[in-house]
PDB file of N, CA and C in Angstrom:
ATOM      1  N   MET A   1       0.878  -1.230   0.140  1.00  0.00           N
ATOM      2  CA  MET A   1      -0.240  -0.069   0.246  1.00  0.00           C
ATOM      3  C   MET A   1       0.942   0.949   0.249  1.00  0.00           C
ATOM      4  N   ARG A   2       0.915   1.535  -0.861  1.00  0.00           N
ATOM      5  CA  ARG A   2       1.656   3.110  -1.295  1.00  0.00           C
ATOM      6  C   ARG A   2       1.226   4.184  -0.425  1.00  0.00           C
ATOM      7  N   LEU A   3       2.143   5.341   0.440  1.00  0.00           N
ATOM      8  CA  LEU A   3       1.798   6.348   0.758  1.00  0.00           C
ATOM      9  C   LEU A   3       1.706   7.837  -0.118  1.00  0.00           C
ATOM     10  N   LEU A   4       0.511   8.043  -0.369  1.00  0.00           N
ATOM     11  CA  LEU A   4       0.032   9.476  -0.998  1.00  0.00           C
ATOM     12  C   LEU A   4       0.842  10.543  -0.460  1.00  0.00           C
ATOM     13  N   LYS A   5       0.305  10.725   0.659  1.00  0.00           N
ATOM     14  CA  LYS A   5       1.015  12.083   0.885  1.00  0.00           C
ATOM     15  C   LYS A   5       0.821  12.184   2.658  1.00  0.00           C
ATOM     16  N   PHE A   6       1.520  12.973   3.184  1.00  0.00           N
ATOM     17  CA  PHE A   6       1.900  12.794   4.655  1.00  0.00           C
ATOM     18  C   PHE A   6       1.905  14.454   5.237  1.00  0.00           C
ATOM     19  N   GLU A   7       1.523  14.531   6.402  1.00  0.00           N
ATOM     20  CA  GLU A   7       1.787  15.682   6.839  1.00  0.00           C
ATOM     21  C   GLU A   7       2.429  15.502   8.506  1.00  0.00           C
ATOM     22  N   HIS A   8       3.422  16.211   8.847  1.00  0.00           N
ATOM     23  CA  HIS A   8       4.327  16.032  10.171  1.00  0.00           C
ATOM     24  C   HIS A   8       3.477  16.526  11.289  1.00  0.00           C
ATOM     25  N   LEU A   9       2.956  15.778  12.435  1.00  0.00           N
ATOM     26  CA  LEU A   9       2.160  16.692  13.410  1.00  0.00           C
ATOM     27  C   LEU A   9       3.401  17.168  14.068  1.00  0.00           C
ATOM     28  N   GLU A  10       4.008  16.431  14.789  1.00  0.00           N
ATOM     29  CA  GLU A  10       4.676  16.937  15.941  1.00  0.00           C
ATOM     30  C   GLU A  10       5.212  15.634  16.526  1.00  0.00           C
ATOM     31  N   GLY A  11       7.168  15.688  16.863  1.00  0.00           N
ATOM     32  CA  GLY A  11       7.439  14.477  17.215  1.00  0.00           C
ATOM     33  C   GLY A  11       7.720  13.909  16.809  1.00  0.00           C
ATOM     34  N   TYR A  12       7.151  12.254  16.869  1.00  0.00           N
ATOM     35  CA  TYR A  12       7.098  11.446  15.659  1.00  0.00           C
ATOM     36  C   TYR A  12       5.473  10.971  15.104  1.00  0.00           C
ATOM     37  N   ARG A  13       4.645  12.273  15.454  1.00  0.00           N
ATOM     38  CA  ARG A  13       3.342  12.111  14.925  1.00  0.00           C
ATOM     39  C   ARG A  13       3.210  12.666  13.553  1.00  0.00           C
ATOM     40  N   PHE A  14       2.488  11.728  12.731  1.00  0.00           N
ATOM     41  CA  PHE A  14       2.186  12.342  11.186  1.00  0.00           C
ATOM     42  C   PHE A  14       0.946  11.935  11.037  1.00  0.00           C
ATOM     43  N   LYS A  15       0.414  12.211   9.659  1.00  0.00           N
ATOM     44  CA  LYS A  15      -0.622  12.405   9.069  1.00  0.00           C
ATOM     45  C   LYS A  15      -0.395  11.614   7.994  1.00  0.00           C
ATOM     46  N   LEU A  16      -0.951  10.262   7.731  1.00  0.00           N
ATOM     47  CA  LEU A  16      -0.535   9.844   6.473  1.00  0.00           C
ATOM     48  C   LEU A  16      -1.990   9.194   5.392  1.00  0.00           C
ATOM     49  N   GLU A  17      -1.766   9.825   4.278  1.00  0.00           N
ATOM     50  CA  GLU A  17      -2.238   9.372   3.182  1.00  0.00           C
ATOM     51  C   GLU A  17      -2.340   8.454   2.570  1.00  0.00           C
ATOM     52  N   PHE A  18      -3.020   7.296   2.144  1.00  0.00           N
ATOM     53  CA  PHE A  18      -2.491   5.949   1.375  1.00  0.00           C
ATOM     54  C   PHE A  18      -3.446   6.378  -0.006  1.00  0.00           C
ATOM     55  N   VAL A  19      -2.772   5.585  -0.872  1.00  0.00           N
ATOM     56  CA  VAL A  19      -3.434   5.575  -1.998  1.00  0.00           C
ATOM     57  C   VAL A  19      -5.023   4.906  -1.999  1.00  0.00           C
ATOM     58  N   ASN A  20      -5.073   4.313  -1.216  1.00  0.00           N
ATOM     59  CA  ASN A  20      -6.493   3.834  -0.844  1.00  0.00           C
ATOM     60  C   ASN A  20      -7.344   4.708  -0.617  1.00  0.00           C
ATOM     61  N   GLY A  21      -7.052   6.088   0.103  1.00  0.00           N
ATOM     62  CA  GLY A  21      -8.134   7.165   0.176  1.00  0.00           C
ATOM     63  C   GLY A  21      -7.957   6.846   1.917  1.00  0.00           C
ATOM     64  N   GLU A  22      -7.239   6.009   2.267  1.00  0.00           N
ATOM     65  CA  GLU A  22      -7.586   5.740   3.891  1.00  0.00           C
ATOM     66  C   GLU A  22      -6.367   6.974   4.192  1.00  0.00           C
ATOM     67  N   ILE A  23      -6.685   7.820   5.148  1.00  0.00           N
ATOM     68  CA  ILE A  23      -5.927   8.527   6.331  1.00  0.00           C
ATOM     69  C   ILE A  23      -6.110   8.881   7.579  1.00  0.00           C
ATOM     70  N   LYS A  24      -4.456   8.259   8.410  1.00  0.00           N
ATOM     71  CA  LYS A  24      -4.654   7.723   9.369  1.00  0.00           C
ATOM     72  C   LYS A  24      -3.381   8.778  10.057  1.00  0.00           C
ATOM     73  N   ALA A  25      -4.116   8.727  11.377  1.00  0.00           N
ATOM     74  CA  ALA A  25      -2.777   9.541  12.510  1.00  0.00           C
ATOM     75  C   ALA A  25      -2.065   8.346  13.248  1.00  0.00           C
ATOM     76  N   VAL A  26      -0.809   8.488  13.376  1.00  0.00           N
ATOM     77  CA  VAL A  26       0.300   7.581  13.801  1.00  0.00           C
ATOM     78  C   VAL A  26       1.551   8.110  14.546  1.00  0.00           C
ATOM     79  N   ASP A  27       1.771   7.849  15.857  1.00  0.00           N
ATOM     80  CA  ASP A  27       3.094   8.074  16.502  1.00  0.00           C
ATOM     81  C   ASP A  27       3.817   6.683  15.583  1.00  0.00           C
ATOM     82  N   LEU A  28       5.171   7.267  14.970  1.00  0.00           N
ATOM     83  CA  LEU A  28       6.041   6.394  13.913  1.00  0.00           C
ATOM     84  C   LEU A  28       7.177   6.099  15.413  1.00  0.00           C
ATOM     85  N   ALA A  29       7.337   6.733  16.267  1.00  0.00           N
ATOM     86  CA  ALA A  29       8.424   6.632  17.361  1.00  0.00           C
ATOM     87  C   ALA A  29       8.902   4.951  17.126  1.00  0.00           C
ATOM     88  N   GLU A  30       8.103   4.011  17.574  1.00  0.00           N
ATOM     89  CA  GLU A  30       8.277   2.738  17.802  1.00  0.00           C
ATOM     90  C   GLU A  30       8.979   2.343  16.661  1.00  0.00           C
ATOM     91  N   LEU A  31       8.287   2.587  15.267  1.00  0.00           N
ATOM     92  CA  LEU A  31       9.495   1.842  13.980  1.00  0.00           C
ATOM     93  C   LEU A  31      10.734   2.725  13.705  1.00  0.00           C
ATOM     94  N   ILE A  32      10.671   3.932  13.960  1.00  0.00           N
ATOM     95  CA  ILE A  32      11.935   4.721  13.636  1.00  0.00           C
ATOM     96  C   ILE A  32      12.904   5.612  14.661  1.00  0.00           C
ATOM     97  N   ALA A  33      12.361   5.637  15.595  1.00  0.00           N
ATOM     98  CA  ALA A  33      13.039   6.545  17.102  1.00  0.00           C
ATOM     99  C   ALA A  33      14.661   6.082  17.395  1.00  0.00           C
ATOM    100  N   LYS A  34      15.009   4.535  17.191  1.00  0.00           N
ATOM    101  CA  LYS A  34      15.977   3.995  16.896  1.00  0.00           C
ATOM    102  C   LYS A  34      17.209   4.692  16.256  1.00  0.00           C
ATOM    103  N   HIS A  35      16.833   4.704  14.867  1.00  0.00           N
ATOM    104  CA  HIS A  35      17.534   5.233  13.755  1.00  0.00           C
ATOM    105  C   HIS A  35      17.372   6.862  13.005  1.00  0.00           C
ATOM    106  N   VAL A  36      16.403   7.299  13.378  1.00  0.00           N
ATOM    107  CA  VAL A  36      15.967   8.449  13.124  1.00  0.00           C
ATOM    108  C   VAL A  36      15.487   9.657  14.384  1.00  0.00           C
ATOM    109  N   GLY A  37      16.678  10.584  14.568  1.00  0.00           N
ATOM    110  CA  GLY A  37      15.834  11.519  16.079  1.00  0.00           C
ATOM    111  C   GLY A  37      14.857  12.171  15.391  1.00  0.00           C
ATOM    112  N   VAL A  38      14.248  13.186  16.449  1.00  0.00           N
ATOM    113  CA  VAL A  38      13.272  13.864  16.054  1.00  0.00           C
ATOM    114  C   VAL A  38      13.936  14.943  15.250  1.00  0.00           C
ATOM    115  N   GLU A  39      15.309  15.337  15.427  1.00  0.00           N
ATOM    116  CA  GLU A  39      15.420  16.315  14.370  1.00  0.00           C
ATOM    117  C   GLU A  39      15.762  15.994  12.850  1.00  0.00           C
ATOM    118  N   ASP A  40      16.060  14.938  12.675  1.00  0.00           N
ATOM    119  CA  ASP A  40      16.012  14.434  11.218  1.00  0.00           C
ATOM    120  C   ASP A  40      14.744  13.874  10.577  1.00  0.00           C
ATOM    121  N   LEU A  41      13.740  14.617  10.999  1.00  0.00           N
ATOM    122  CA  LEU A  41      12.221  14.373  10.592  1.00  0.00           C
ATOM    123  C   LEU A  41      11.782  15.175   9.915  1.00  0.00           C
ATOM    124  N   SER A  42      12.220  16.438   9.645  1.00  0.00           N
ATOM    125  CA  SER A  42      12.519  17.035   8.721  1.00  0.00           C
ATOM    126  C   SER A  42      13.167  17.569   7.929  1.00  0.00           C
ATOM    127  N   PRO A  43      13.619  17.413   6.597  1.00  0.00           N
ATOM    128  CA  PRO A  43      12.549  17.099   5.751  1.00  0.00           C
ATOM    129  C   PRO A  43      12.565  15.687   5.381  1.00  0.00           C
ATOM    130  N   ALA A  44      11.208  15.360   5.994  1.00  0.00           N
ATOM    131  CA  ALA A  44      10.891  13.946   5.391  1.00  0.00           C
ATOM    132  C   ALA A  44      10.272  14.075   3.852  1.00  0.00           C
ATOM    133  N   CYS A  45      10.150  12.589   3.499  1.00  0.00           N
ATOM    134  CA  CYS A  45       9.860  12.966   1.735  1.00  0.00           C
ATOM    135  C   CYS A  45       9.019  12.045   1.671  1.00  0.00           C
ATOM    136  N   ILE A  46       8.053  11.903   0.365  1.00  0.00           N
ATOM    137  CA  ILE A  46       7.914  10.155  -0.164  1.00  0.00           C
ATOM    138  C   ILE A  46       8.423  10.129  -1.535  1.00  0.00           C
ATOM    139  N   ASP A  47       9.365   8.806  -1.342  1.00  0.00           N
ATOM    140  CA  ASP A  47      10.372   8.295  -2.827  1.00  0.00           C
ATOM    141  C   ASP A  47       8.685   8.164  -3.504  1.00  0.00           C
ATOM    142  N   PRO A  48       9.537   8.830  -5.025  1.00  0.00           N
ATOM    143  CA  PRO A  48       8.150   8.399  -5.762  1.00  0.00           C
ATOM    144  C   PRO A  48       7.951   7.390  -6.179  1.00  0.00           C
ATOM    145  N   GLU A  49       9.240   6.623  -6.590  1.00  0.00           N
ATOM    146  CA  GLU A  49       9.382   5.377  -6.789  1.00  0.00           C
ATOM    147  C   GLU A  49       8.860   4.231  -6.125  1.00  0.00           C
ATOM    148  N   TRP A  50       8.827   4.518  -4.756  1.00  0.00           N
ATOM    149  CA  TRP A  50       8.292   3.161  -4.291  1.00  0.00           C
ATOM    150  C   TRP A  50       7.720   3.745  -3.260  1.00  0.00           C
ATOM    151  N   GLY A  51       7.209   4.818  -2.792  1.00  0.00           N
ATOM    152  CA  GLY A  51       5.820   5.393  -2.074  1.00  0.00           C
ATOM    153  C   GLY A  51       5.871   5.133  -0.499  1.00  0.00           C
ATOM    154  N   CYS A  52       7.299   5.148  -0.085  1.00  0.00           N
ATOM    155  CA  CYS A  52       8.082   4.697   1.331  1.00  0.00           C
ATOM    156  C   CYS A  52       7.976   6.115   1.506  1.00  0.00           C
ATOM    157  N   LEU A  53       8.557   6.590   2.942  1.00  0.00           N
ATOM    158  CA  LEU A  53       8.448   8.028   3.771  1.00  0.00           C
ATOM    159  C   LEU A  53       9.725   7.469   4.407  1.00  0.00           C
ATOM    160  N   GLN A  54      10.604   8.738   3.544  1.00  0.00           N
ATOM    161  CA  GLN A  54      12.372   8.736   3.960  1.00  0.00           C
ATOM    162  C   GLN A  54      12.594  10.118   4.741  1.00  0.00           C
ATOM    163  N   PHE A  55      13.381   9.450   5.446  1.00  0.00           N
ATOM    164  CA  PHE A  55      14.182  10.460   6.163  1.00  0.00           C
ATOM    165  C   PHE A  55      15.737  10.388   5.877  1.00  0.00           C
ATOM    166  N   LYS A  56      16.296  11.630   6.814  1.00  0.00           N
ATOM    167  CA  LYS A  56      17.693  11.851   6.540  1.00  0.00           C
ATOM    168  C   LYS A  56      18.179  11.667   4.456  1.00  0.00           C
ATOM    169  N   ASN A  57      17.653  12.568   4.127  1.00  0.00           N
ATOM    170  CA  ASN A  57      18.020  12.808   2.397  1.00  0.00           C
ATOM    171  C   ASN A  57      17.727  11.284   2.016  1.00  0.00           C
ATOM    172  N   GLY A  58      17.167  10.257   1.901  1.00  0.00           N
ATOM    173  CA  GLY A  58      16.782   8.922   2.110  1.00  0.00           C
ATOM    174  C   GLY A  58      17.432   7.884   2.353  1.00  0.00           C
ATOM    175  N   ASN A  59      18.264   8.158   3.671  1.00  0.00           N
ATOM    176  CA  ASN A  59      19.903   7.264   4.459  1.00  0.00           C
ATOM    177  C   ASN A  59      18.869   6.273   5.201  1.00  0.00           C
ATOM    178  N   ALA A  60      17.436   6.445   5.425  1.00  0.00           N
ATOM    179  CA  ALA A  60      16.588   6.169   6.495  1.00  0.00           C
ATOM    180  C   ALA A  60      15.022   6.232   5.777  1.00  0.00           C
ATOM    181  N   ASP A  61      14.322   4.667   5.920  1.00  0.00           N
ATOM    182  CA  ASP A  61      12.821   5.268   5.213  1.00  0.00           C
ATOM    183  C   ASP A  61      12.011   3.559   6.228  1.00  0.00           C
ATOM    184  N   ILE A  62      10.731   3.749   5.533  1.00  0.00           N
ATOM    185  CA  ILE A  62       9.694   3.038   5.814  1.00  0.00           C
ATOM    186  C   ILE A  62       8.930   2.238   4.586  1.00  0.00           C
ATOM    187  N   GLU A  63       9.508   1.369   4.424  1.00  0.00           N
ATOM    188  CA  GLU A  63       8.490   0.448   3.553  1.00  0.00           C
ATOM    189  C   GLU A  63       6.977   0.715   3.121  1.00  0.00           C
ATOM    190  N   PRO A  64       6.481   0.734   2.412  1.00  0.00           N
ATOM    191  CA  PRO A  64       5.196   1.094   2.514  1.00  0.00           C
ATOM    192  C   PRO A  64       4.416   0.399   2.915  1.00  0.00           C
ATOM    193  N   LYS A  65       4.879  -1.324   2.774  1.00  0.00           N
ATOM    194  CA  LYS A  65       3.449  -2.039   3.165  1.00  0.00           C
ATOM    195  C   LYS A  65       3.701  -2.188   4.780  1.00  0.00           C
ATOM    196  N   THR A  66       4.882  -1.817   5.367  1.00  0.00           N
ATOM    197  CA  THR A  66       5.281  -1.687   6.785  1.00  0.00           C
ATOM    198  C   THR A  66       4.249  -1.147   7.698  1.00  0.00           C
ATOM    199  N   ILE A  67       4.595   0.570   6.910  1.00  0.00           N
ATOM    200  CA  ILE A  67       3.762   1.406   7.644  1.00  0.00           C
ATOM    201  C   ILE A  67       2.719   1.462   7.181  1.00  0.00           C
ATOM    202  N   TYR A  68       2.091   0.657   6.632  1.00  0.00           N
ATOM    203  CA  TYR A  68       0.422   0.350   6.436  1.00  0.00           C
ATOM    204  C   TYR A  68      -0.205  -0.608   7.345  1.00  0.00           C
ATOM    205  N   LYS A  69       0.703  -1.681   7.469  1.00  0.00           N
ATOM    206  CA  LYS A  69       0.513  -2.368   8.785  1.00  0.00           C
ATOM    207  C   LYS A  69       0.536  -1.821  10.054  1.00  0.00           C
ATOM    208  N   PHE A  70       1.570  -0.968  10.329  1.00  0.00           N
ATOM    209  CA  PHE A  70       1.680  -0.317  11.553  1.00  0.00           C
ATOM    210  C   PHE A  70       0.642   0.658  12.073  1.00  0.00           C
ATOM    211  N   THR A  71       0.063   1.263  11.049  1.00  0.00           N
ATOM    212  CA  THR A  71      -1.151   1.957  11.433  1.00  0.00           C
ATOM    213  C   THR A  71      -2.196   1.678  11.262  1.00  0.00           C
ATOM    214  N   ALA A  72      -2.700   0.077  11.289  1.00  0.00           N
ATOM    215  CA  ALA A  72      -3.458  -0.495  11.236  1.00  0.00           C
ATOM    216  C   ALA A  72      -3.760  -1.159  13.028  1.00  0.00           C
ATOM    217  N   SER A  73      -2.886  -1.119  13.539  1.00  0.00           N
ATOM    218  CA  SER A  73      -2.745  -1.186  14.683  1.00  0.00           C
ATOM    219  C   SER A  73      -2.438  -0.243  15.760  1.00  0.00           C
ATOM    220  N   ASN A  74      -1.584   0.895  15.508  1.00  0.00           N
ATOM    221  CA  ASN A  74      -1.360   2.129  16.265  1.00  0.00           C
ATOM    222  C   ASN A  74      -2.123   3.806  15.766  1.00  0.00           C
ATOM    223  N   SER A  75      -2.944   3.267  15.246  1.00  0.00           N
ATOM    224  CA  SER A  75      -3.214   5.083  14.777  1.00  0.00           C
ATOM    225  C   SER A  75      -3.881   5.540  16.247  1.00  0.00           C
ATOM    226  N   PHE A  76      -3.677   6.963  16.447  1.00  0.00           N
ATOM    227  CA  PHE A  76      -4.302   7.441  17.696  1.00  0.00           C
ATOM    228  C   PHE A  76      -5.196   8.049  17.459  1.00  0.00           C
ATOM    229  N   GLU A  77      -5.747   8.161  16.116  1.00  0.00           N
ATOM    230  CA  GLU A  77      -7.327   8.888  15.694  1.00  0.00           C
ATOM    231  C   GLU A  77      -7.321   8.563  14.551  1.00  0.00           C
ATOM    232  N   ARG A  78      -8.290   8.401  14.195  1.00  0.00           N
ATOM    233  CA  ARG A  78      -8.827   8.441  12.246  1.00  0.00           C
ATOM    234  C   ARG A  78      -8.870   9.912  12.069  1.00  0.00           C
ATOM    235  N   ALA A  79      -7.931  10.225  11.149  1.00  0.00           N
ATOM    236  CA  ALA A  79      -8.197  11.747  10.554  1.00  0.00           C
ATOM    237  C   ALA A  79      -9.374  11.657   9.422  1.00  0.00           C
ATOM    238  N   ALA A  80     -10.081  12.644   9.353  1.00  0.00           N
ATOM    239  CA  ALA A  80     -11.129  12.690   8.458  1.00  0.00           C
ATOM    240  C   ALA A  80     -10.617  13.322   6.830  1.00  0.00           C
TER     241      ALA A  80
END
């Protein structure tokens, strides 16, 4: 499931929109805090080819399937 858009909210919290139209707000600290510090979250970007969320100029990323599965059980709210 590819990531279409994102918004960095605060800390490790992001609002994520997937190509299927689902929009979820999630704290990604559990997935990335060991590899990406809060100071490295901006600028994040979406890799146009793979649809993954990238940090640190592409040196760290979250695979689309991983981030989608993670949001299924870790969303702190469902954004409209």
